[in-house]
N, C-alpha and C. Protein backbone atom coordinates (compact mmCIF):
# COMPACT_ATOMS: atom_id res chain seq x y z
N MET A 1 140.04 140.24 150.69
CA MET A 1 141.26 139.32 150.28
C MET A 1 140.71 138.94 148.85
N GLU A 2 141.82 138.93 147.95
CA GLU A 2 141.44 138.30 146.68
C GLU A 2 142.61 137.32 146.36
N LYS A 3 142.38 136.22 145.89
CA LYS A 3 143.22 135.37 145.33
C LYS A 3 142.81 134.64 144.11
N THR A 4 143.66 134.09 143.45
CA THR A 4 143.33 133.34 142.23
C THR A 4 143.44 131.96 142.31
N THR A 5 142.77 131.12 141.44
CA THR A 5 142.96 129.73 141.38
C THR A 5 143.33 129.24 140.18
N THR A 6 144.20 128.33 140.05
CA THR A 6 144.82 127.88 138.80
C THR A 6 144.03 126.64 138.53
N TYR A 7 143.33 126.44 137.59
CA TYR A 7 142.67 125.11 137.12
C TYR A 7 143.37 124.42 135.81
N PHE A 8 143.89 123.15 136.17
CA PHE A 8 144.71 122.55 135.16
C PHE A 8 143.80 121.77 134.31
N GLU A 9 143.91 121.68 132.86
CA GLU A 9 143.07 121.12 131.93
C GLU A 9 142.96 119.60 132.31
N LYS A 10 144.19 119.15 132.64
CA LYS A 10 144.11 117.71 132.98
C LYS A 10 145.30 117.45 134.00
N PRO A 11 145.18 116.58 134.93
CA PRO A 11 146.10 116.11 135.97
C PRO A 11 147.43 115.51 135.50
N GLY A 12 148.25 115.64 136.21
CA GLY A 12 149.64 114.91 135.81
C GLY A 12 150.75 115.85 136.20
N PRO A 13 151.86 115.16 135.84
CA PRO A 13 153.25 115.70 136.27
C PRO A 13 153.76 116.93 135.46
N GLU A 14 152.96 117.19 134.28
CA GLU A 14 153.41 118.44 133.55
C GLU A 14 152.90 119.71 134.37
N ASN A 15 152.22 119.51 135.46
CA ASN A 15 151.70 120.82 136.10
C ASN A 15 152.77 120.92 137.46
N THR A 16 153.74 120.12 137.39
CA THR A 16 154.53 120.22 138.71
C THR A 16 155.32 121.42 138.79
N GLY A 17 155.75 122.03 137.54
CA GLY A 17 156.48 123.42 137.77
C GLY A 17 155.61 124.58 137.95
N ARG A 18 154.41 124.48 137.39
CA ARG A 18 153.61 125.64 137.92
C ARG A 18 153.16 125.67 139.30
N CYS A 19 152.88 124.35 139.88
CA CYS A 19 152.52 124.13 141.32
C CYS A 19 153.77 124.74 142.01
N LEU A 20 154.96 124.54 141.59
CA LEU A 20 156.17 125.16 142.46
C LEU A 20 155.97 126.50 142.50
N GLU A 21 155.87 127.18 141.24
CA GLU A 21 155.78 128.60 141.15
C GLU A 21 154.54 129.10 142.05
N ILE A 22 153.32 128.55 142.02
CA ILE A 22 152.28 128.72 142.81
C ILE A 22 152.57 128.86 144.41
N VAL A 23 153.25 127.70 144.72
CA VAL A 23 153.71 127.83 146.21
C VAL A 23 154.77 129.05 146.61
N LYS A 24 155.57 129.08 145.70
CA LYS A 24 156.52 130.33 145.89
C LYS A 24 155.79 131.65 145.75
N GLU A 25 154.80 131.86 145.21
CA GLU A 25 154.13 133.03 145.21
C GLU A 25 153.11 133.11 146.57
N ASN A 26 152.70 131.96 146.96
CA ASN A 26 152.01 131.86 148.16
C ASN A 26 152.88 132.21 149.37
N ILE A 27 154.17 131.72 149.44
CA ILE A 27 155.11 131.85 150.56
C ILE A 27 155.35 133.43 150.58
N ALA A 28 155.82 133.96 149.31
CA ALA A 28 156.04 135.32 149.35
C ALA A 28 155.13 136.21 149.80
N GLY A 29 153.84 136.02 149.24
CA GLY A 29 152.67 136.91 149.52
C GLY A 29 152.02 136.82 150.80
N PHE A 30 152.06 135.46 151.26
CA PHE A 30 151.24 135.42 152.47
C PHE A 30 152.18 134.69 153.61
N LYS A 31 153.35 134.61 153.58
CA LYS A 31 154.29 134.29 154.76
C LYS A 31 153.94 132.93 155.31
N TYR A 32 153.63 132.01 154.39
CA TYR A 32 153.37 130.60 154.85
C TYR A 32 154.92 130.13 155.34
N ARG A 33 154.90 129.48 156.46
CA ARG A 33 156.25 128.95 157.09
C ARG A 33 156.18 127.23 156.96
N HIS A 34 155.23 126.61 156.51
CA HIS A 34 155.03 125.21 156.45
C HIS A 34 154.42 124.76 155.05
N VAL A 35 155.28 123.80 154.62
CA VAL A 35 154.94 123.15 153.34
C VAL A 35 155.05 121.72 153.26
N VAL A 36 154.24 120.90 153.20
CA VAL A 36 154.09 119.57 152.89
C VAL A 36 153.79 119.10 151.44
N VAL A 37 154.67 118.33 150.88
CA VAL A 37 154.63 117.79 149.53
C VAL A 37 154.67 116.29 149.48
N ALA A 38 153.68 115.59 148.74
CA ALA A 38 153.65 114.28 148.47
C ALA A 38 154.65 113.90 147.42
N SER A 39 155.49 112.74 147.59
CA SER A 39 156.32 112.08 146.70
C SER A 39 156.53 110.66 146.95
N THR A 40 156.24 109.95 145.90
CA THR A 40 156.38 108.65 145.75
C THR A 40 157.79 108.13 145.55
N THR A 41 158.29 108.44 144.44
CA THR A 41 159.77 108.08 144.21
C THR A 41 160.74 109.01 144.43
N GLY A 42 160.46 110.24 144.81
CA GLY A 42 161.38 111.26 145.17
C GLY A 42 161.52 112.36 144.06
N VAL A 43 160.86 111.99 142.87
CA VAL A 43 161.06 113.00 141.79
C VAL A 43 160.62 114.49 142.06
N THR A 44 159.26 114.32 142.51
CA THR A 44 158.61 115.63 143.01
C THR A 44 159.20 116.38 144.15
N GLY A 45 159.62 115.28 145.14
CA GLY A 45 160.08 115.79 146.29
C GLY A 45 161.45 116.51 146.05
N GLN A 46 162.27 116.07 145.17
CA GLN A 46 163.52 116.66 144.81
C GLN A 46 163.41 117.93 144.21
N VAL A 47 162.12 118.21 143.29
CA VAL A 47 161.74 119.42 142.57
C VAL A 47 161.54 120.40 143.50
N PHE A 48 160.84 120.16 144.59
CA PHE A 48 160.39 121.12 145.68
C PHE A 48 161.51 121.39 146.54
N ALA A 49 162.06 120.36 146.92
CA ALA A 49 163.29 120.65 147.99
C ALA A 49 164.40 121.66 147.26
N GLU A 50 164.67 121.49 145.98
CA GLU A 50 165.64 122.25 145.23
C GLU A 50 165.19 123.55 145.01
N GLY A 51 163.81 123.54 144.58
CA GLY A 51 163.12 124.82 144.42
C GLY A 51 162.80 125.69 145.48
N LEU A 52 162.60 125.07 146.80
CA LEU A 52 162.39 126.01 147.94
C LEU A 52 163.50 126.05 148.88
N LYS A 53 164.77 125.50 148.51
CA LYS A 53 165.80 125.50 149.66
C LYS A 53 166.20 126.95 149.99
N ASP A 54 165.88 127.89 149.26
CA ASP A 54 166.11 129.24 149.59
C ASP A 54 165.18 130.05 150.32
N GLU A 55 163.91 129.50 150.44
CA GLU A 55 162.92 129.88 150.95
C GLU A 55 162.97 129.69 152.50
N ASN A 56 162.52 130.39 153.41
CA ASN A 56 162.51 130.19 154.76
C ASN A 56 161.36 129.41 155.43
N VAL A 57 161.27 128.28 154.91
CA VAL A 57 160.14 127.40 155.09
C VAL A 57 160.48 125.88 155.79
N ASN A 58 159.63 125.29 156.55
CA ASN A 58 159.83 124.13 157.14
C ASN A 58 159.07 123.16 156.12
N LEU A 59 159.99 122.49 155.10
CA LEU A 59 159.60 121.72 154.01
C LEU A 59 159.56 120.32 154.42
N VAL A 60 158.35 119.57 154.34
CA VAL A 60 158.27 118.19 154.59
C VAL A 60 157.86 117.37 153.31
N ILE A 61 158.66 116.56 152.97
CA ILE A 61 158.40 115.55 151.89
C ILE A 61 157.76 114.33 152.42
N VAL A 62 156.34 113.96 151.95
CA VAL A 62 155.64 112.76 152.55
C VAL A 62 155.60 111.62 151.56
N THR A 63 156.22 110.53 151.98
CA THR A 63 156.24 109.52 151.00
C THR A 63 155.19 108.47 151.28
N HIS A 64 155.02 107.34 150.36
CA HIS A 64 154.22 106.28 150.80
C HIS A 64 154.78 105.59 151.81
N SER A 65 154.16 104.83 152.56
CA SER A 65 154.43 104.05 153.85
C SER A 65 155.49 102.82 153.33
N HIS A 66 156.39 102.40 154.06
CA HIS A 66 157.19 101.43 153.80
C HIS A 66 156.32 100.08 153.50
N GLY A 67 156.65 99.47 152.34
CA GLY A 67 155.76 98.20 152.07
C GLY A 67 154.48 98.48 151.32
N PHE A 68 154.34 99.80 151.07
CA PHE A 68 152.93 100.19 150.38
C PHE A 68 152.69 99.36 149.29
N ARG A 69 153.74 99.45 148.13
CA ARG A 69 153.56 98.61 146.87
C ARG A 69 153.69 97.03 147.29
N GLU A 70 154.75 96.73 147.96
CA GLU A 70 155.10 95.27 148.15
C GLU A 70 155.94 94.98 149.57
N PRO A 71 155.99 94.13 150.12
CA PRO A 71 156.55 93.90 151.37
C PRO A 71 158.03 94.34 151.38
N ASN A 72 158.39 94.90 152.47
CA ASN A 72 159.82 95.14 152.58
C ASN A 72 160.58 95.95 151.71
N SER A 73 159.72 97.17 151.23
CA SER A 73 160.20 97.91 150.00
C SER A 73 159.79 99.24 150.19
N SER A 74 160.66 100.10 149.79
CA SER A 74 160.40 101.58 149.81
C SER A 74 160.31 102.16 148.28
N GLU A 75 159.46 102.81 147.85
CA GLU A 75 159.41 103.26 146.50
C GLU A 75 160.23 104.67 146.38
N LEU A 76 160.60 105.30 147.32
CA LEU A 76 161.58 106.58 147.32
C LEU A 76 162.98 105.89 146.93
N ASN A 77 163.65 106.39 145.88
CA ASN A 77 164.84 105.87 145.61
C ASN A 77 165.89 106.68 146.40
N ALA A 78 167.05 106.07 146.59
CA ALA A 78 168.03 106.48 147.55
C ALA A 78 168.69 107.81 147.08
N GLU A 79 168.96 107.87 145.84
CA GLU A 79 169.44 109.18 145.34
C GLU A 79 168.65 110.37 145.43
N ALA A 80 167.17 110.10 145.37
CA ALA A 80 166.45 111.52 145.34
C ALA A 80 166.32 111.54 146.95
N ARG A 81 166.29 110.65 147.71
CA ARG A 81 166.33 110.72 149.35
C ARG A 81 167.44 111.60 149.60
N GLU A 82 168.71 111.46 149.00
CA GLU A 82 170.01 112.26 149.36
C GLU A 82 169.88 113.44 149.07
N LYS A 83 169.43 113.92 147.93
CA LYS A 83 169.13 115.18 147.36
C LYS A 83 168.11 115.93 148.03
N ILE A 84 167.01 115.30 148.35
CA ILE A 84 166.02 116.04 149.19
C ILE A 84 166.62 116.52 150.65
N ARG A 85 167.16 115.51 151.19
CA ARG A 85 167.90 115.87 152.46
C ARG A 85 169.06 117.08 152.29
N ALA A 86 169.67 116.87 151.50
CA ALA A 86 170.96 117.90 150.87
C ALA A 86 170.36 119.28 150.78
N ALA A 87 169.04 119.26 150.33
CA ALA A 87 168.26 120.63 150.18
C ALA A 87 167.78 121.09 151.29
N GLY A 88 167.91 120.37 152.33
CA GLY A 88 167.18 120.88 153.71
C GLY A 88 165.98 120.68 154.08
N ALA A 89 165.27 119.62 153.11
CA ALA A 89 163.78 119.11 153.49
C ALA A 89 164.01 117.85 154.44
N VAL A 90 162.76 117.82 155.13
CA VAL A 90 162.48 116.69 156.07
C VAL A 90 161.79 115.56 155.28
N ILE A 91 162.08 114.31 155.48
CA ILE A 91 161.37 113.08 154.72
C ILE A 91 160.52 112.46 155.68
N TYR A 92 159.29 112.44 155.40
CA TYR A 92 158.40 111.54 156.32
C TYR A 92 157.68 110.45 155.69
N THR A 93 157.96 109.25 156.23
CA THR A 93 157.42 107.98 155.65
C THR A 93 156.85 107.22 156.93
N GLY A 94 155.47 107.09 156.77
CA GLY A 94 154.62 106.40 157.90
C GLY A 94 153.33 105.95 157.27
N THR A 95 152.38 105.46 158.15
CA THR A 95 151.23 104.94 157.92
C THR A 95 150.33 106.06 157.21
N MET A 96 149.80 105.74 156.28
CA MET A 96 148.90 106.65 155.56
C MET A 96 147.46 106.66 156.29
N ILE A 97 146.98 107.70 156.72
CA ILE A 97 145.62 107.90 157.49
C ILE A 97 144.61 107.05 156.81
N THR A 98 144.18 107.11 155.47
CA THR A 98 143.21 106.67 155.01
C THR A 98 143.44 105.41 154.18
N HIS A 99 144.70 104.80 154.51
CA HIS A 99 144.97 103.60 153.90
C HIS A 99 145.96 102.73 154.83
N SER A 100 145.11 102.19 155.71
CA SER A 100 145.86 101.27 156.71
C SER A 100 145.14 100.07 156.94
N LEU A 101 144.84 99.67 158.32
CA LEU A 101 144.25 98.53 158.83
C LEU A 101 142.81 98.45 158.06
N GLU A 102 142.00 99.42 157.75
CA GLU A 102 140.69 99.29 157.34
C GLU A 102 140.76 99.04 155.89
N THR A 103 141.80 99.37 155.21
CA THR A 103 141.90 98.91 153.94
C THR A 103 142.21 97.24 153.76
N ALA A 104 142.85 96.74 154.63
CA ALA A 104 143.08 95.39 154.70
C ALA A 104 141.78 94.59 155.19
N LEU A 105 140.96 95.24 156.01
CA LEU A 105 139.64 94.59 156.58
C LEU A 105 138.71 94.73 155.29
N ALA A 106 138.66 95.94 154.66
CA ALA A 106 137.81 96.15 153.49
C ALA A 106 138.00 95.02 152.51
N LYS A 107 139.25 94.77 152.21
CA LYS A 107 139.62 93.61 151.16
C LYS A 107 139.14 92.39 151.63
N LYS A 108 139.41 91.93 152.90
CA LYS A 108 139.16 90.71 153.41
C LYS A 108 137.77 90.53 153.49
N PHE A 109 137.15 91.35 154.13
CA PHE A 109 135.48 91.18 154.57
C PHE A 109 134.64 92.00 153.70
N SER A 110 135.15 92.70 152.54
CA SER A 110 134.08 93.37 151.63
C SER A 110 133.09 94.28 152.12
N GLY A 111 133.74 95.08 153.45
CA GLY A 111 133.01 95.91 154.08
C GLY A 111 133.47 97.52 153.67
N VAL A 112 132.47 98.42 154.43
CA VAL A 112 132.85 99.86 154.24
C VAL A 112 133.15 100.24 155.52
N TYR A 113 134.23 101.08 155.70
CA TYR A 113 134.66 101.50 156.91
C TYR A 113 134.91 102.96 157.01
N PRO A 114 134.92 103.56 158.05
CA PRO A 114 134.85 105.01 158.29
C PRO A 114 135.95 105.67 157.37
N THR A 115 137.16 105.56 157.63
CA THR A 115 138.30 106.07 156.99
C THR A 115 138.32 106.00 155.46
N LEU A 116 137.50 104.86 154.97
CA LEU A 116 137.44 104.75 153.44
C LEU A 116 136.52 105.56 153.18
N LEU A 117 135.33 105.88 153.76
CA LEU A 117 134.23 106.80 153.38
C LEU A 117 134.80 108.30 153.21
N VAL A 118 135.54 108.52 154.38
CA VAL A 118 136.33 110.05 154.45
C VAL A 118 137.21 110.04 153.19
N ALA A 119 137.93 109.10 152.93
CA ALA A 119 138.72 109.08 151.75
C ALA A 119 137.98 109.45 150.36
N GLN A 120 136.84 108.53 150.24
CA GLN A 120 136.09 108.61 148.89
C GLN A 120 135.38 109.92 148.89
N SER A 121 134.95 110.57 150.07
CA SER A 121 134.32 111.87 150.30
C SER A 121 135.25 112.97 149.75
N LEU A 122 136.57 112.98 150.27
CA LEU A 122 137.49 114.06 149.97
C LEU A 122 137.98 113.79 148.39
N ARG A 123 137.94 112.64 147.80
CA ARG A 123 138.25 112.61 146.47
C ARG A 123 137.21 113.15 145.59
N ARG A 124 135.83 113.57 146.06
CA ARG A 124 135.18 114.32 145.23
C ARG A 124 135.67 115.68 144.90
N LEU A 125 136.51 116.17 145.64
CA LEU A 125 137.22 117.47 145.34
C LEU A 125 138.45 117.19 144.55
N GLY A 126 138.97 115.93 144.21
CA GLY A 126 140.03 115.69 143.57
C GLY A 126 141.01 114.73 144.46
N GLU A 127 141.76 114.01 143.83
CA GLU A 127 142.70 112.77 144.40
C GLU A 127 143.70 113.75 145.34
N GLY A 128 144.21 114.77 144.70
CA GLY A 128 145.20 115.60 145.21
C GLY A 128 144.54 116.41 146.68
N ILE A 129 143.33 116.67 146.75
CA ILE A 129 142.91 117.36 147.91
C ILE A 129 142.94 116.27 148.81
N LYS A 130 142.27 114.98 148.52
CA LYS A 130 142.39 113.96 149.69
C LYS A 130 143.88 113.74 150.16
N VAL A 131 144.81 113.70 149.31
CA VAL A 131 146.39 113.53 149.70
C VAL A 131 146.64 114.71 150.56
N CYS A 132 146.30 115.73 150.18
CA CYS A 132 146.87 116.96 150.94
C CYS A 132 146.31 116.81 152.41
N CYS A 133 145.09 116.61 152.60
CA CYS A 133 144.39 116.42 154.07
C CYS A 133 145.04 115.55 154.66
N GLU A 134 145.29 114.40 154.14
CA GLU A 134 146.06 113.24 154.71
C GLU A 134 147.40 113.53 155.17
N MET A 135 148.18 114.13 154.21
CA MET A 135 149.62 114.42 154.59
C MET A 135 149.48 115.49 155.85
N VAL A 136 148.70 116.44 155.75
CA VAL A 136 148.67 117.32 156.76
C VAL A 136 148.32 116.61 158.24
N MET A 137 147.52 115.83 158.19
CA MET A 137 147.19 115.05 159.60
C MET A 137 148.37 114.22 159.90
N MET A 138 149.10 113.65 158.89
CA MET A 138 150.25 112.51 159.22
C MET A 138 151.37 113.28 159.77
N THR A 139 151.58 114.60 159.16
CA THR A 139 152.96 115.28 159.70
C THR A 139 152.56 115.97 161.08
N ALA A 140 151.23 116.31 161.12
CA ALA A 140 150.87 116.88 162.53
C ALA A 140 151.05 115.75 163.63
N ASP A 141 150.51 114.66 163.20
CA ASP A 141 150.72 113.48 164.08
C ASP A 141 152.23 113.24 164.42
N ALA A 142 153.06 113.38 163.61
CA ALA A 142 154.34 113.19 163.80
C ALA A 142 155.24 114.38 164.39
N GLY A 143 154.42 115.51 164.81
CA GLY A 143 155.09 116.68 165.20
C GLY A 143 156.00 117.33 164.30
N LEU A 144 155.79 117.14 162.93
CA LEU A 144 156.61 117.81 161.94
C LEU A 144 156.09 119.31 161.52
N ILE A 145 154.78 119.48 161.72
CA ILE A 145 154.12 120.71 161.35
C ILE A 145 153.26 121.10 162.77
N PRO A 146 152.87 122.20 163.06
CA PRO A 146 152.07 122.40 164.21
C PRO A 146 150.60 122.63 163.76
N GLU A 147 149.82 122.11 164.84
CA GLU A 147 148.58 122.20 164.66
C GLU A 147 147.99 123.48 164.82
N GLY A 148 147.02 123.89 164.11
CA GLY A 148 146.24 125.28 164.00
C GLY A 148 146.90 126.17 163.02
N GLU A 149 148.04 125.98 162.52
CA GLU A 149 148.63 126.78 161.54
C GLU A 149 148.25 126.49 160.22
N GLU A 150 148.30 127.43 159.24
CA GLU A 150 147.95 127.34 158.03
C GLU A 150 149.22 126.65 157.28
N ILE A 151 148.91 125.68 156.46
CA ILE A 151 149.96 124.79 155.77
C ILE A 151 149.80 124.69 154.34
N VAL A 152 151.02 124.91 153.49
CA VAL A 152 150.63 124.63 152.03
C VAL A 152 150.92 123.34 151.99
N ALA A 153 150.06 122.49 151.41
CA ALA A 153 150.16 121.10 150.95
C ALA A 153 149.99 120.97 149.58
N VAL A 154 150.89 120.23 148.97
CA VAL A 154 151.07 119.81 147.44
C VAL A 154 150.99 118.27 147.13
N ALA A 155 150.03 117.89 146.26
CA ALA A 155 149.96 116.52 145.88
C ALA A 155 149.70 116.36 144.43
N GLY A 156 149.37 115.20 144.00
CA GLY A 156 149.15 115.02 142.57
C GLY A 156 148.27 113.83 142.45
N THR A 157 148.03 113.68 141.09
CA THR A 157 147.06 112.63 140.80
C THR A 157 148.12 111.62 140.04
N GLY A 158 148.20 110.68 140.76
CA GLY A 158 149.24 109.58 140.18
C GLY A 158 150.67 109.87 140.52
N ARG A 159 151.30 110.60 139.39
CA ARG A 159 152.68 111.27 139.42
C ARG A 159 152.64 112.68 139.55
N GLY A 160 153.80 113.44 140.04
CA GLY A 160 154.04 114.61 139.78
C GLY A 160 152.97 115.54 140.75
N ALA A 161 153.00 116.96 140.63
CA ALA A 161 152.19 117.72 141.38
C ALA A 161 151.03 118.42 140.58
N ASP A 162 149.81 118.43 140.96
CA ASP A 162 148.72 119.18 140.11
C ASP A 162 147.73 119.50 141.16
N THR A 163 147.89 119.77 142.42
CA THR A 163 147.25 120.33 143.58
C THR A 163 147.96 121.17 144.45
N VAL A 164 147.36 122.27 144.80
CA VAL A 164 148.05 122.98 145.86
C VAL A 164 146.98 123.44 146.81
N SER A 165 147.11 123.37 148.07
CA SER A 165 145.90 123.70 148.98
C SER A 165 146.54 124.39 150.21
N VAL A 166 145.69 125.15 150.95
CA VAL A 166 146.26 125.81 151.99
C VAL A 166 145.21 125.21 153.27
N ILE A 167 145.82 124.56 154.18
CA ILE A 167 144.95 123.72 155.34
C ILE A 167 145.44 124.15 156.58
N ARG A 168 144.27 124.59 157.35
CA ARG A 168 144.62 124.63 158.97
C ARG A 168 144.79 123.47 159.43
N ALA A 169 146.00 123.03 159.93
CA ALA A 169 146.24 121.84 160.39
C ALA A 169 145.80 121.23 161.78
N ALA A 170 145.35 119.85 161.56
CA ALA A 170 145.00 119.37 162.86
C ALA A 170 145.51 117.67 162.81
N ALA A 171 145.82 117.34 163.80
CA ALA A 171 146.08 115.76 164.10
C ALA A 171 145.11 114.98 163.68
N SER A 172 145.40 113.77 163.20
CA SER A 172 144.24 112.80 162.84
C SER A 172 143.22 112.75 163.98
N LYS A 173 143.65 112.74 165.12
CA LYS A 173 142.67 112.62 166.20
C LYS A 173 141.81 113.61 166.30
N ARG A 174 142.03 114.79 165.70
CA ARG A 174 141.01 115.92 165.69
C ARG A 174 140.92 116.45 164.23
N PHE A 175 140.48 115.31 163.19
CA PHE A 175 140.28 115.51 162.01
C PHE A 175 139.05 116.24 161.83
N LEU A 176 138.31 116.57 162.57
CA LEU A 176 137.07 117.26 162.45
C LEU A 176 137.34 118.79 162.63
N ASP A 177 138.64 119.20 163.09
CA ASP A 177 139.11 120.41 163.25
C ASP A 177 139.82 120.97 161.96
N LEU A 178 140.22 119.92 161.14
CA LEU A 178 141.12 120.24 159.69
C LEU A 178 140.11 121.10 158.93
N ARG A 179 140.79 122.19 158.31
CA ARG A 179 139.93 122.99 157.47
C ARG A 179 140.80 123.24 156.09
N VAL A 180 140.34 122.96 154.98
CA VAL A 180 140.53 123.36 153.72
C VAL A 180 140.38 124.79 153.59
N LEU A 181 141.34 125.64 153.54
CA LEU A 181 140.81 127.04 153.56
C LEU A 181 140.99 127.67 152.12
N GLU A 182 141.73 127.14 151.37
CA GLU A 182 141.96 127.45 149.90
C GLU A 182 142.68 126.43 148.96
N ILE A 183 142.15 126.51 147.95
CA ILE A 183 142.65 125.55 146.76
C ILE A 183 143.34 126.46 145.77
N PRO A 184 144.59 126.69 145.78
CA PRO A 184 145.15 127.52 144.66
C PRO A 184 145.29 127.08 143.40
N ALA A 185 145.40 125.66 143.39
CA ALA A 185 145.61 125.02 142.00
C ALA A 185 145.04 123.56 142.12
N LYS A 186 144.55 122.94 141.04
CA LYS A 186 144.01 121.67 140.86
C LYS A 186 143.51 121.55 139.67
N PRO A 187 143.42 120.13 139.31
CA PRO A 187 143.06 119.83 137.86
C PRO A 187 141.39 120.13 137.92
N ARG A 188 140.90 120.42 136.77
CA ARG A 188 139.50 120.65 136.71
C ARG A 188 138.78 119.31 136.48
N GLY A 189 139.58 118.38 135.79
CA GLY A 189 138.83 117.14 135.53
C GLY A 189 138.81 116.25 136.64
């Protein structure tokens, strides 16, 4: 098997369109059936929902948890939410695997906790890869994607998409079974 990897010169939203193309190429060439995409405000989710609406895939848009930025708030705007759903995608909002109770404890007690170590270790490959792994576990935990299947995961560094990965899904309880199989695109820096 021979595949290519695209390395972006710098991270950021200017890579979103190319990431969508790479996902479409992988769906067409390798028949992936499940795609998860990170989206904070809904802009990236909307791009992928509209761009993949004619593909025969289960598309899950993963948002920040409710209250992530501030109490009682959602960063996903209502208009984007409607457009994402109208294009046939599912929206998942839930607790982020590596940003939950341990983050609160680390801030309060200045300690280091296992999920924070996992997050920092995954970041060595890039912020997007960390988010891709996290989203695959979150959506497997929610029953939105099947464990054991190869999932195309898309995330970014800050805003937009700049990372595409193929991950064999596992629920968070079986984190050690999670496998990053391929990285079709990522920022080089």
